[in-house]
PDB file of N, CA and C in Angstrom:
ATOM      1  N   UNK A   1    -114.800 -40.853 -57.079  1.00  0.00           N
ATOM      2  CA  UNK A   1    -113.729 -41.232 -57.451  1.00  0.00           C
ATOM      3  C   UNK A   1    -113.480 -42.521 -57.234  1.00  0.00           C
ATOM      4  N   UNK A   2    -112.435 -43.183 -58.207  1.00  0.00           N
ATOM      5  CA  UNK A   2    -112.254 -44.523 -58.096  1.00  0.00           C
ATOM      6  C   UNK A   2    -111.252 -44.955 -56.990  1.00  0.00           C
ATOM      7  N   UNK A   3    -111.421 -46.237 -56.321  1.00  0.00           N
ATOM      8  CA  UNK A   3    -110.468 -46.458 -55.430  1.00  0.00           C
ATOM      9  C   UNK A   3    -108.965 -46.407 -55.803  1.00  0.00           C
ATOM     10  N   UNK A   4    -108.632 -46.676 -57.179  1.00  0.00           N
ATOM     11  CA  UNK A   4    -107.345 -46.633 -57.460  1.00  0.00           C
ATOM     12  C   UNK A   4    -106.818 -45.173 -57.443  1.00  0.00           C
ATOM     13  N   UNK A   5    -107.554 -44.106 -57.546  1.00  0.00           N
ATOM     14  CA  UNK A   5    -107.401 -42.689 -57.576  1.00  0.00           C
ATOM     15  C   UNK A   5    -106.975 -42.488 -56.097  1.00  0.00           C
ATOM     16  N   UNK A   6    -107.681 -42.930 -55.387  1.00  0.00           N
ATOM     17  CA  UNK A   6    -107.439 -42.657 -53.839  1.00  0.00           C
ATOM     18  C   UNK A   6    -106.112 -43.218 -53.552  1.00  0.00           C
ATOM     19  N   UNK A   7    -105.705 -44.550 -53.928  1.00  0.00           N
ATOM     20  CA  UNK A   7    -104.469 -45.220 -53.624  1.00  0.00           C
ATOM     21  C   UNK A   7    -103.471 -44.323 -54.168  1.00  0.00           C
ATOM     22  N   UNK A   8    -103.476 -43.827 -55.316  1.00  0.00           N
ATOM     23  CA  UNK A   8    -102.342 -42.904 -55.820  1.00  0.00           C
ATOM     24  C   UNK A   8    -102.288 -41.689 -55.036  1.00  0.00           C
ATOM     25  N   UNK A   9    -103.319 -40.998 -54.649  1.00  0.00           N
ATOM     26  CA  UNK A   9    -103.190 -40.060 -53.910  1.00  0.00           C
ATOM     27  C   UNK A   9    -102.580 -40.120 -52.349  1.00  0.00           C
ATOM     28  N   UNK A  10    -102.997 -41.246 -51.859  1.00  0.00           N
ATOM     29  CA  UNK A  10    -102.483 -41.816 -50.689  1.00  0.00           C
ATOM     30  C   UNK A  10    -100.983 -41.955 -50.647  1.00  0.00           C
ATOM     31  N   UNK A  11    -100.349 -42.532 -51.705  1.00  0.00           N
ATOM     32  CA  UNK A  11     -99.162 -42.608 -51.938  1.00  0.00           C
ATOM     33  C   UNK A  11     -98.184 -41.226 -52.139  1.00  0.00           C
ATOM     34  N   UNK A  12     -98.892 -40.328 -52.643  1.00  0.00           N
ATOM     35  CA  UNK A  12     -98.427 -38.904 -52.887  1.00  0.00           C
ATOM     36  C   UNK A  12     -98.445 -38.287 -51.652  1.00  0.00           C
ATOM     37  N   UNK A  13     -99.352 -38.424 -50.763  1.00  0.00           N
ATOM     38  CA  UNK A  13     -99.301 -37.792 -49.595  1.00  0.00           C
ATOM     39  C   UNK A  13     -98.250 -38.346 -48.691  1.00  0.00           C
ATOM     40  N   UNK A  14     -97.810 -39.625 -48.749  1.00  0.00           N
ATOM     41  CA  UNK A  14     -96.862 -40.164 -47.965  1.00  0.00           C
ATOM     42  C   UNK A  14     -95.576 -39.687 -48.424  1.00  0.00           C
ATOM     43  N   UNK A  15     -95.205 -39.556 -49.695  1.00  0.00           N
ATOM     44  CA  UNK A  15     -94.210 -39.055 -50.205  1.00  0.00           C
ATOM     45  C   UNK A  15     -93.811 -37.672 -50.089  1.00  0.00           C
ATOM     46  N   UNK A  16     -94.949 -36.817 -50.215  1.00  0.00           N
ATOM     47  CA  UNK A  16     -94.694 -35.374 -50.452  1.00  0.00           C
ATOM     48  C   UNK A  16     -94.020 -34.766 -49.249  1.00  0.00           C
ATOM     49  N   UNK A  17     -93.272 -33.696 -49.403  1.00  0.00           N
ATOM     50  CA  UNK A  17     -92.731 -32.927 -48.040  1.00  0.00           C
ATOM     51  C   UNK A  17     -93.265 -31.471 -48.051  1.00  0.00           C
ATOM     52  N   UNK A  18     -93.969 -31.195 -49.193  1.00  0.00           N
ATOM     53  CA  UNK A  18     -94.592 -29.912 -49.274  1.00  0.00           C
ATOM     54  C   UNK A  18     -95.590 -29.912 -50.470  1.00  0.00           C
ATOM     55  N   UNK A  19     -96.434 -28.794 -50.404  1.00  0.00           N
ATOM     56  CA  UNK A  19     -97.135 -28.568 -51.671  1.00  0.00           C
ATOM     57  C   UNK A  19     -96.727 -27.330 -52.303  1.00  0.00           C
ATOM     58  N   UNK A  20     -96.714 -27.280 -53.754  1.00  0.00           N
ATOM     59  CA  UNK A  20     -96.378 -26.146 -54.440  1.00  0.00           C
ATOM     60  C   UNK A  20     -97.713 -26.033 -55.192  1.00  0.00           C
ATOM     61  N   UNK A  21     -98.434 -24.637 -54.885  1.00  0.00           N
ATOM     62  CA  UNK A  21     -99.560 -24.525 -55.711  1.00  0.00           C
ATOM     63  C   UNK A  21     -99.543 -23.083 -56.388  1.00  0.00           C
ATOM     64  N   UNK A  22    -100.371 -22.994 -57.562  1.00  0.00           N
ATOM     65  CA  UNK A  22    -100.697 -21.558 -57.906  1.00  0.00           C
ATOM     66  C   UNK A  22    -102.011 -20.975 -56.884  1.00  0.00           C
ATOM     67  N   UNK A  23    -101.766 -19.589 -57.383  1.00  0.00           N
ATOM     68  CA  UNK A  23    -103.052 -18.933 -56.518  1.00  0.00           C
ATOM     69  C   UNK A  23    -104.505 -19.723 -56.780  1.00  0.00           C
ATOM     70  N   UNK A  24    -104.998 -19.929 -58.142  1.00  0.00           N
ATOM     71  CA  UNK A  24    -106.087 -20.615 -58.437  1.00  0.00           C
ATOM     72  C   UNK A  24    -106.469 -21.997 -57.730  1.00  0.00           C
ATOM     73  N   UNK A  25    -105.261 -22.706 -57.789  1.00  0.00           N
ATOM     74  CA  UNK A  25    -105.274 -23.996 -56.934  1.00  0.00           C
ATOM     75  C   UNK A  25    -105.394 -23.829 -55.433  1.00  0.00           C
ATOM     76  N   UNK A  26    -104.489 -22.800 -54.988  1.00  0.00           N
ATOM     77  CA  UNK A  26    -104.695 -22.628 -53.636  1.00  0.00           C
ATOM     78  C   UNK A  26    -106.045 -22.297 -53.049  1.00  0.00           C
ATOM     79  N   UNK A  27    -106.623 -21.274 -54.002  1.00  0.00           N
ATOM     80  CA  UNK A  27    -108.023 -20.800 -53.496  1.00  0.00           C
ATOM     81  C   UNK A  27    -108.929 -22.128 -53.646  1.00  0.00           C
ATOM     82  N   UNK A  28    -109.028 -22.887 -54.682  1.00  0.00           N
ATOM     83  CA  UNK A  28    -109.981 -23.913 -54.757  1.00  0.00           C
ATOM     84  C   UNK A  28    -109.693 -24.958 -53.594  1.00  0.00           C
ATOM     85  N   UNK A  29    -108.322 -25.463 -53.434  1.00  0.00           N
ATOM     86  CA  UNK A  29    -108.225 -26.304 -52.541  1.00  0.00           C
ATOM     87  C   UNK A  29    -108.560 -26.050 -50.996  1.00  0.00           C
ATOM     88  N   UNK A  30    -108.130 -24.576 -50.682  1.00  0.00           N
ATOM     89  CA  UNK A  30    -108.350 -24.122 -49.192  1.00  0.00           C
ATOM     90  C   UNK A  30    -109.464 -23.941 -48.879  1.00  0.00           C
ATOM     91  N   UNK A  31    -110.489 -23.993 -49.791  1.00  0.00           N
ATOM     92  CA  UNK A  31    -111.876 -23.746 -49.500  1.00  0.00           C
ATOM     93  C   UNK A  31    -112.368 -25.235 -49.171  1.00  0.00           C
ATOM     94  N   UNK A  32    -111.806 -26.204 -49.378  1.00  0.00           N
ATOM     95  CA  UNK A  32    -112.326 -27.665 -49.281  1.00  0.00           C
ATOM     96  C   UNK A  32    -111.517 -28.514 -48.259  1.00  0.00           C
ATOM     97  N   UNK A  33    -110.259 -28.703 -48.555  1.00  0.00           N
ATOM     98  CA  UNK A  33    -109.410 -29.385 -47.864  1.00  0.00           C
ATOM     99  C   UNK A  33    -109.220 -29.500 -46.362  1.00  0.00           C
ATOM    100  N   UNK A  34    -108.904 -28.195 -45.874  1.00  0.00           N
ATOM    101  CA  UNK A  34    -108.949 -28.185 -44.323  1.00  0.00           C
ATOM    102  C   UNK A  34    -109.972 -29.190 -43.591  1.00  0.00           C
ATOM    103  N   UNK A  35    -111.029 -28.969 -43.951  1.00  0.00           N
ATOM    104  CA  UNK A  35    -112.067 -29.775 -43.168  1.00  0.00           C
ATOM    105  C   UNK A  35    -112.306 -31.189 -43.571  1.00  0.00           C
ATOM    106  N   UNK A  36    -111.284 -31.502 -44.401  1.00  0.00           N
ATOM    107  CA  UNK A  36    -111.541 -32.927 -44.887  1.00  0.00           C
ATOM    108  C   UNK A  36    -110.431 -34.081 -44.294  1.00  0.00           C
ATOM    109  N   UNK A  37    -110.910 -35.112 -43.496  1.00  0.00           N
ATOM    110  CA  UNK A  37    -109.959 -35.890 -42.850  1.00  0.00           C
ATOM    111  C   UNK A  37    -109.203 -36.677 -43.742  1.00  0.00           C
ATOM    112  N   UNK A  38    -109.678 -37.030 -44.909  1.00  0.00           N
ATOM    113  CA  UNK A  38    -108.943 -38.041 -45.810  1.00  0.00           C
ATOM    114  C   UNK A  38    -107.522 -37.143 -46.298  1.00  0.00           C
ATOM    115  N   UNK A  39    -107.528 -35.776 -46.255  1.00  0.00           N
ATOM    116  CA  UNK A  39    -106.546 -34.962 -46.400  1.00  0.00           C
ATOM    117  C   UNK A  39    -105.651 -34.488 -45.344  1.00  0.00           C
ATOM    118  N   UNK A  40    -105.876 -35.119 -44.274  1.00  0.00           N
ATOM    119  CA  UNK A  40    -104.869 -34.766 -43.015  1.00  0.00           C
ATOM    120  C   UNK A  40    -103.510 -34.587 -43.451  1.00  0.00           C
ATOM    121  N   UNK A  41    -102.883 -35.464 -44.161  1.00  0.00           N
ATOM    122  CA  UNK A  41    -101.524 -35.446 -44.322  1.00  0.00           C
ATOM    123  C   UNK A  41    -101.135 -34.222 -45.085  1.00  0.00           C
ATOM    124  N   UNK A  42    -102.056 -34.003 -46.258  1.00  0.00           N
ATOM    125  CA  UNK A  42    -101.693 -32.724 -47.072  1.00  0.00           C
ATOM    126  C   UNK A  42    -102.087 -31.551 -46.142  1.00  0.00           C
ATOM    127  N   UNK A  43    -102.884 -31.439 -45.330  1.00  0.00           N
ATOM    128  CA  UNK A  43    -103.251 -30.436 -44.686  1.00  0.00           C
ATOM    129  C   UNK A  43    -102.219 -29.877 -43.641  1.00  0.00           C
ATOM    130  N   UNK A  44    -101.554 -30.862 -43.104  1.00  0.00           N
ATOM    131  CA  UNK A  44    -100.356 -30.580 -42.215  1.00  0.00           C
ATOM    132  C   UNK A  44     -99.038 -30.018 -42.997  1.00  0.00           C
ATOM    133  N   UNK A  45     -98.950 -30.421 -44.417  1.00  0.00           N
ATOM    134  CA  UNK A  45     -97.665 -30.117 -45.040  1.00  0.00           C
ATOM    135  C   UNK A  45     -97.578 -28.629 -45.286  1.00  0.00           C
ATOM    136  N   UNK A  46     -96.390 -28.335 -45.401  1.00  0.00           N
ATOM    137  CA  UNK A  46     -96.156 -26.763 -45.773  1.00  0.00           C
ATOM    138  C   UNK A  46     -96.659 -26.429 -47.095  1.00  0.00           C
ATOM    139  N   UNK A  47     -97.128 -25.308 -47.404  1.00  0.00           N
ATOM    140  CA  UNK A  47     -97.538 -24.955 -48.639  1.00  0.00           C
ATOM    141  C   UNK A  47     -97.025 -23.752 -49.142  1.00  0.00           C
ATOM    142  N   UNK A  48     -96.430 -23.768 -50.538  1.00  0.00           N
ATOM    143  CA  UNK A  48     -95.969 -22.642 -51.145  1.00  0.00           C
ATOM    144  C   UNK A  48     -96.664 -22.304 -52.118  1.00  0.00           C
ATOM    145  N   UNK A  49     -97.265 -20.972 -52.245  1.00  0.00           N
ATOM    146  CA  UNK A  49     -98.147 -20.439 -53.297  1.00  0.00           C
ATOM    147  C   UNK A  49     -97.249 -19.482 -54.053  1.00  0.00           C
ATOM    148  N   UNK A  50     -97.313 -19.724 -55.355  1.00  0.00           N
ATOM    149  CA  UNK A  50     -97.002 -18.869 -56.379  1.00  0.00           C
ATOM    150  C   UNK A  50     -98.081 -17.929 -56.802  1.00  0.00           C
ATOM    151  N   UNK A  51     -97.837 -16.480 -56.377  1.00  0.00           N
ATOM    152  CA  UNK A  51     -98.850 -15.624 -56.723  1.00  0.00           C
ATOM    153  C   UNK A  51     -98.265 -14.108 -56.525  1.00  0.00           C
ATOM    154  N   UNK A  52     -98.483 -13.187 -57.464  1.00  0.00           N
ATOM    155  CA  UNK A  52     -97.968 -11.958 -57.444  1.00  0.00           C
ATOM    156  C   UNK A  52     -99.405 -11.088 -56.745  1.00  0.00           C
ATOM    157  N   UNK A  53    -100.609 -11.629 -56.664  1.00  0.00           N
ATOM    158  CA  UNK A  53    -101.710 -11.105 -56.348  1.00  0.00           C
ATOM    159  C   UNK A  53    -102.458 -11.417 -55.143  1.00  0.00           C
ATOM    160  N   UNK A  54    -102.160 -12.523 -54.627  1.00  0.00           N
ATOM    161  CA  UNK A  54    -102.729 -13.105 -53.336  1.00  0.00           C
ATOM    162  C   UNK A  54    -102.109 -12.367 -52.226  1.00  0.00           C
ATOM    163  N   UNK A  55    -102.928 -11.954 -51.268  1.00  0.00           N
ATOM    164  CA  UNK A  55    -102.441 -11.138 -50.142  1.00  0.00           C
ATOM    165  C   UNK A  55    -102.468 -12.075 -48.853  1.00  0.00           C
ATOM    166  N   UNK A  56    -101.554 -11.786 -48.069  1.00  0.00           N
ATOM    167  CA  UNK A  56    -101.287 -12.488 -46.735  1.00  0.00           C
ATOM    168  C   UNK A  56    -102.772 -12.675 -46.159  1.00  0.00           C
ATOM    169  N   UNK A  57    -103.601 -11.737 -46.102  1.00  0.00           N
ATOM    170  CA  UNK A  57    -104.970 -11.747 -45.603  1.00  0.00           C
ATOM    171  C   UNK A  57    -105.640 -12.774 -46.105  1.00  0.00           C
ATOM    172  N   UNK A  58    -105.493 -13.142 -47.365  1.00  0.00           N
ATOM    173  CA  UNK A  58    -106.217 -14.376 -48.058  1.00  0.00           C
ATOM    174  C   UNK A  58    -105.899 -15.744 -47.658  1.00  0.00           C
ATOM    175  N   UNK A  59    -104.778 -15.940 -46.902  1.00  0.00           N
ATOM    176  CA  UNK A  59    -104.192 -17.142 -46.451  1.00  0.00           C
ATOM    177  C   UNK A  59    -105.205 -17.863 -45.351  1.00  0.00           C
ATOM    178  N   UNK A  60    -105.489 -19.224 -45.666  1.00  0.00           N
ATOM    179  CA  UNK A  60    -106.335 -19.932 -44.682  1.00  0.00           C
ATOM    180  C   UNK A  60    -105.680 -20.216 -43.356  1.00  0.00           C
ATOM    181  N   UNK A  61    -105.976 -19.781 -42.297  1.00  0.00           N
ATOM    182  CA  UNK A  61    -105.624 -19.937 -40.914  1.00  0.00           C
ATOM    183  C   UNK A  61    -105.720 -21.519 -40.516  1.00  0.00           C
ATOM    184  N   UNK A  62    -104.617 -22.217 -39.840  1.00  0.00           N
ATOM    185  CA  UNK A  62    -104.921 -23.526 -39.451  1.00  0.00           C
ATOM    186  C   UNK A  62    -104.652 -24.530 -40.571  1.00  0.00           C
ATOM    187  N   UNK A  63    -104.309 -24.120 -41.784  1.00  0.00           N
ATOM    188  CA  UNK A  63    -104.238 -25.264 -42.856  1.00  0.00           C
ATOM    189  C   UNK A  63    -102.729 -25.373 -42.928  1.00  0.00           C
ATOM    190  N   UNK A  64    -101.882 -25.464 -41.928  1.00  0.00           N
ATOM    191  CA  UNK A  64    -100.472 -25.699 -42.231  1.00  0.00           C
ATOM    192  C   UNK A  64     -99.742 -24.362 -42.568  1.00  0.00           C
ATOM    193  N   UNK A  65     -98.469 -24.492 -42.434  1.00  0.00           N
ATOM    194  CA  UNK A  65     -97.794 -23.214 -42.759  1.00  0.00           C
ATOM    195  C   UNK A  65     -97.683 -22.935 -44.221  1.00  0.00           C
ATOM    196  N   UNK A  66     -97.986 -21.702 -44.566  1.00  0.00           N
ATOM    197  CA  UNK A  66     -98.194 -21.183 -46.031  1.00  0.00           C
ATOM    198  C   UNK A  66     -97.146 -20.248 -46.383  1.00  0.00           C
ATOM    199  N   UNK A  67     -96.488 -20.163 -47.261  1.00  0.00           N
ATOM    200  CA  UNK A  67     -95.441 -19.219 -47.785  1.00  0.00           C
ATOM    201  C   UNK A  67     -95.787 -18.536 -49.069  1.00  0.00           C
ATOM    202  N   UNK A  68     -95.978 -17.458 -49.470  1.00  0.00           N
ATOM    203  CA  UNK A  68     -96.163 -16.780 -50.575  1.00  0.00           C
ATOM    204  C   UNK A  68     -94.905 -16.667 -51.457  1.00  0.00           C
ATOM    205  N   UNK A  69     -94.747 -17.108 -52.595  1.00  0.00           N
ATOM    206  CA  UNK A  69     -93.596 -16.858 -53.541  1.00  0.00           C
ATOM    207  C   UNK A  69     -93.970 -15.920 -54.589  1.00  0.00           C
ATOM    208  N   UNK A  70     -93.560 -14.773 -54.586  1.00  0.00           N
ATOM    209  CA  UNK A  70     -93.883 -13.914 -55.656  1.00  0.00           C
ATOM    210  C   UNK A  70     -93.218 -13.837 -56.976  1.00  0.00           C
ATOM    211  N   UNK A  71     -92.103 -14.844 -57.127  1.00  0.00           N
ATOM    212  CA  UNK A  71     -91.522 -14.770 -58.504  1.00  0.00           C
ATOM    213  C   UNK A  71     -91.086 -16.136 -58.715  1.00  0.00           C
ATOM    214  N   UNK A  72     -90.681 -16.386 -60.020  1.00  0.00           N
ATOM    215  CA  UNK A  72     -89.871 -17.584 -60.436  1.00  0.00           C
ATOM    216  C   UNK A  72     -88.685 -17.827 -59.779  1.00  0.00           C
ATOM    217  N   UNK A  73     -88.003 -16.678 -59.463  1.00  0.00           N
ATOM    218  CA  UNK A  73     -86.627 -16.970 -58.818  1.00  0.00           C
ATOM    219  C   UNK A  73     -86.788 -17.474 -57.261  1.00  0.00           C
ATOM    220  N   UNK A  74     -87.928 -17.149 -56.906  1.00  0.00           N
ATOM    221  CA  UNK A  74     -88.321 -17.647 -55.370  1.00  0.00           C
ATOM    222  C   UNK A  74     -88.536 -19.220 -55.441  1.00  0.00           C
ATOM    223  N   UNK A  75     -89.329 -19.554 -56.629  1.00  0.00           N
ATOM    224  CA  UNK A  75     -89.593 -20.855 -56.750  1.00  0.00           C
ATOM    225  C   UNK A  75     -88.280 -21.666 -56.962  1.00  0.00           C
ATOM    226  N   UNK A  76     -87.332 -21.134 -57.826  1.00  0.00           N
ATOM    227  CA  UNK A  76     -86.047 -21.647 -58.218  1.00  0.00           C
ATOM    228  C   UNK A  76     -85.302 -21.939 -56.985  1.00  0.00           C
ATOM    229  N   UNK A  77     -85.323 -20.892 -56.193  1.00  0.00           N
ATOM    230  CA  UNK A  77     -84.294 -20.890 -54.733  1.00  0.00           C
ATOM    231  C   UNK A  77     -85.034 -21.958 -53.796  1.00  0.00           C
ATOM    232  N   UNK A  78     -86.446 -22.237 -53.924  1.00  0.00           N
ATOM    233  CA  UNK A  78     -87.086 -23.302 -53.043  1.00  0.00           C
ATOM    234  C   UNK A  78     -86.532 -24.525 -53.600  1.00  0.00           C
ATOM    235  N   UNK A  79     -86.609 -24.799 -54.901  1.00  0.00           N
ATOM    236  CA  UNK A  79     -86.229 -26.073 -55.444  1.00  0.00           C
ATOM    237  C   UNK A  79     -84.695 -26.450 -55.463  1.00  0.00           C
ATOM    238  N   UNK A  80     -83.936 -25.540 -55.094  1.00  0.00           N
ATOM    239  CA  UNK A  80     -82.515 -25.495 -54.729  1.00  0.00           C
ATOM    240  C   UNK A  80     -82.298 -26.159 -53.388  1.00  0.00           C
ATOM    241  N   UNK A  81     -83.253 -26.057 -52.554  1.00  0.00           N
ATOM    242  CA  UNK A  81     -83.114 -26.429 -51.035  1.00  0.00           C
ATOM    243  C   UNK A  81     -83.294 -27.991 -50.992  1.00  0.00           C
ATOM    244  N   UNK A  82     -83.153 -28.352 -49.617  1.00  0.00           N
ATOM    245  CA  UNK A  82     -83.624 -29.729 -49.281  1.00  0.00           C
ATOM    246  C   UNK A  82     -84.812 -30.197 -49.474  1.00  0.00           C
ATOM    247  N   UNK A  83     -85.214 -31.475 -49.813  1.00  0.00           N
ATOM    248  CA  UNK A  83     -86.511 -31.798 -49.800  1.00  0.00           C
ATOM    249  C   UNK A  83     -86.986 -32.103 -51.137  1.00  0.00           C
TER     250      UNK A  83
END
């Protein structure tokens, strides 16, 4: 990666209050990020995963609080909240 890309991601980490992910992104990131020190801020953030198929048993323990959202209505309700 370019240093500029890391700078952008660093700013995003500082500004983010949570991560909203789809199932595929969650599965890809959760396989790598929890063990990476450079993603420590992301690792601690609450995660919201939009999926009708991902089970609670597939969530990665110790990767910050994770909530499954099963519908677009749940996503809309989340967006209505603070943050």
